[in-house]
C-alpha atoms as a PDB file:
ATOM      1  CA  MET A   1      13.200  -6.755  29.101  1.00  0.00           C
ATOM      2  CA  PRO A   2      11.601  -7.416  25.666  1.00  0.00           C
ATOM      3  CA  THR A   3      13.656  -8.935  22.898  1.00  0.00           C
ATOM      4  CA  THR A   4      13.803  -7.094  19.585  1.00  0.00           C
ATOM      5  CA  HIS A   5      13.438  -9.159  16.432  1.00  0.00           C
ATOM      6  CA  VAL A   6      14.533  -7.982  13.017  1.00  0.00           C
ATOM      7  CA  VAL A   7      12.116  -8.979  10.293  1.00  0.00           C
ATOM      8  CA  ALA A   8      13.260  -8.839   6.691  1.00  0.00           C
ATOM      9  CA  ARG A   9      10.653  -7.107   4.573  1.00  0.00           C
ATOM     10  CA  GLY A  10      11.530  -8.716   1.266  1.00  0.00           C
ATOM     11  CA  PRO A  11      10.173  -7.791  -2.130  1.00  0.00           C
ATOM     12  CA  THR A  12       6.755  -6.184  -2.376  1.00  0.00           C
ATOM     13  CA  THR A  13       4.021  -7.387  -4.680  1.00  0.00           C
ATOM     14  CA  ALA A  14       4.622  -4.278  -6.796  1.00  0.00           C
ATOM     15  CA  THR A  15       8.285  -5.244  -7.173  1.00  0.00           C
ATOM     16  CA  LEU A  16       7.367  -8.784  -8.190  1.00  0.00           C
ATOM     17  CA  ARG A  17       4.821  -7.495 -10.717  1.00  0.00           C
ATOM     18  CA  ALA A  18       7.339  -5.067 -12.216  1.00  0.00           C
ATOM     19  CA  ILE A  19       9.888  -7.856 -12.683  1.00  0.00           C
ATOM     20  CA  GLU A  20       7.202 -10.119 -14.118  1.00  0.00           C
ATOM     21  CA  GLY A  21       6.289  -7.423 -16.631  1.00  0.00           C
ATOM     22  CA  VAL A  22       9.866  -7.092 -17.828  1.00  0.00           C
ATOM     23  CA  LEU A  23      10.326 -10.858 -18.155  1.00  0.00           C
ATOM     24  CA  ARG A  24       7.006 -11.421 -19.927  1.00  0.00           C
ATOM     25  CA  LYS A  25       7.657  -8.578 -22.345  1.00  0.00           C
ATOM     26  CA  ALA A  26      11.141  -9.879 -23.152  1.00  0.00           C
ATOM     27  CA  ALA A  27       9.871 -13.447 -23.701  1.00  0.00           C
ATOM     28  CA  VAL A  28      13.507 -14.573 -23.835  1.00  0.00           C
ATOM     29  CA  PRO A  29      16.110 -15.087 -21.108  1.00  0.00           C
ATOM     30  CA  VAL A  30      17.523 -11.767 -19.850  1.00  0.00           C
ATOM     31  CA  SER A  31      20.275 -10.779 -17.453  1.00  0.00           C
ATOM     32  CA  ARG A  32      19.774  -9.179 -14.076  1.00  0.00           C
ATOM     33  CA  TYR A  33      21.474  -6.094 -15.498  1.00  0.00           C
ATOM     34  CA  GLN A  34      18.900  -5.903 -18.294  1.00  0.00           C
ATOM     35  CA  ILE A  35      16.013  -6.310 -15.842  1.00  0.00           C
ATOM     36  CA  ARG A  36      17.325  -3.411 -13.735  1.00  0.00           C
ATOM     37  CA  LYS A  37      17.954  -1.344 -16.869  1.00  0.00           C
ATOM     38  CA  ASP A  38      14.405  -1.990 -18.132  1.00  0.00           C
ATOM     39  CA  LEU A  39      13.096  -0.865 -14.728  1.00  0.00           C
ATOM     40  CA  ASP A  40      15.184   2.333 -14.912  1.00  0.00           C
ATOM     41  CA  ASN A  41      17.278   1.103 -11.955  1.00  0.00           C
ATOM     42  CA  ARG A  42      14.311   1.565  -9.600  1.00  0.00           C
ATOM     43  CA  ILE A  43      15.129  -1.782  -7.953  1.00  0.00           C
ATOM     44  CA  ALA A  44      18.472  -2.178  -6.195  1.00  0.00           C
ATOM     45  CA  ALA A  45      20.532  -5.245  -7.072  1.00  0.00           C
ATOM     46  CA  PRO A  46      20.141  -6.920  -3.622  1.00  0.00           C
ATOM     47  CA  LEU A  47      16.353  -6.507  -3.741  1.00  0.00           C
ATOM     48  CA  LEU A  48      16.263  -7.859  -7.304  1.00  0.00           C
ATOM     49  CA  ASP A  49      18.263 -10.897  -6.184  1.00  0.00           C
ATOM     50  CA  GLU A  50      15.865 -11.454  -3.284  1.00  0.00           C
ATOM     51  CA  ALA A  51      12.831 -11.081  -5.548  1.00  0.00           C
ATOM     52  CA  LEU A  52      14.243 -13.499  -8.130  1.00  0.00           C
ATOM     53  CA  ASP A  53      15.021 -16.017  -5.375  1.00  0.00           C
ATOM     54  CA  TYR A  54      11.407 -15.744  -4.209  1.00  0.00           C
ATOM     55  CA  MET A  55      10.105 -16.122  -7.756  1.00  0.00           C
ATOM     56  CA  ALA A  56      12.344 -19.146  -8.391  1.00  0.00           C
ATOM     57  CA  GLU A  57      11.153 -20.805  -5.160  1.00  0.00           C
ATOM     58  CA  HIS A  58       7.579 -20.399  -6.392  1.00  0.00           C
ATOM     59  CA  GLU A  59       8.454 -21.742  -9.859  1.00  0.00           C
ATOM     60  CA  MET A  60       7.702 -18.459 -11.583  1.00  0.00           C
ATOM     61  CA  VAL A  61      11.146 -18.005 -13.127  1.00  0.00           C
ATOM     62  CA  TYR A  62      14.092 -20.090 -14.166  1.00  0.00           C
ATOM     63  CA  ASP A  63      17.142 -18.310 -12.750  1.00  0.00           C
ATOM     64  CA  GLU A  64      20.696 -19.319 -13.593  1.00  0.00           C
ATOM     65  CA  GLY A  65      21.995 -17.141 -10.758  1.00  0.00           C
ATOM     66  CA  PRO A  66      24.308 -14.118 -10.768  1.00  0.00           C
ATOM     67  CA  GLY A  67      26.004 -13.744 -14.132  1.00  0.00           C
ATOM     68  CA  GLY A  68      23.377 -15.935 -15.777  1.00  0.00           C
ATOM     69  CA  LYS A  69      20.022 -15.352 -17.381  1.00  0.00           C
ATOM     70  CA  VAL A  70      16.500 -15.257 -15.970  1.00  0.00           C
ATOM     71  CA  LEU A  71      13.451 -16.588 -17.831  1.00  0.00           C
ATOM     72  CA  TRP A  72       9.761 -16.194 -16.952  1.00  0.00           C
ATOM     73  CA  ILE A  73       7.973 -19.527 -16.756  1.00  0.00           C
ATOM     74  CA  ARG A  74       4.314 -20.145 -16.275  1.00  0.00           C
ATOM     75  CA  ALA A  75       3.280 -19.961 -12.634  1.00  0.00           C
ATOM     76  CA  SER A  76       0.419 -21.952 -11.178  1.00  0.00           C
ATOM     77  CA  ALA A  77      -3.038 -20.364 -11.117  1.00  0.00           C
ATOM     78  CA  ALA A  78      -2.984 -20.248  -7.297  1.00  0.00           C
ATOM     79  CA  THR A  79       0.338 -18.383  -7.276  1.00  0.00           C
ATOM     80  CA  MET A  80      -0.883 -15.896  -9.862  1.00  0.00           C
ATOM     81  CA  GLU A  81      -4.082 -15.256  -7.886  1.00  0.00           C
ATOM     82  CA  ARG A  82      -2.057 -14.550  -4.723  1.00  0.00           C
ATOM     83  CA  LEU A  83       0.219 -12.133  -6.605  1.00  0.00           C
ATOM     84  CA  ARG A  84      -2.648 -10.305  -8.213  1.00  0.00           C
ATOM     85  CA  GLY A  85      -4.628 -10.165  -4.972  1.00  0.00           C
ATOM     86  CA  LYS A  86      -7.661 -11.982  -6.329  1.00  0.00           C
END
């Protein structure tokens, strides 16, 4: 009998790009609430948290965590190429 595995999908590249756009445009630390508001609430809070965790792991954002602010920081060229599909 085969075993079923659940695979978490995680944030899409489009989601990461949308968040990047908001953070770059702001150019100052912003709250998670403000990010969702700027994206017209198209990204649910859990997905935003997951995306910000991913971005922080790849040194693309500085994230103070829930209740704190998020700031875009310069990502490496290799990371940016992967995100942009080049």
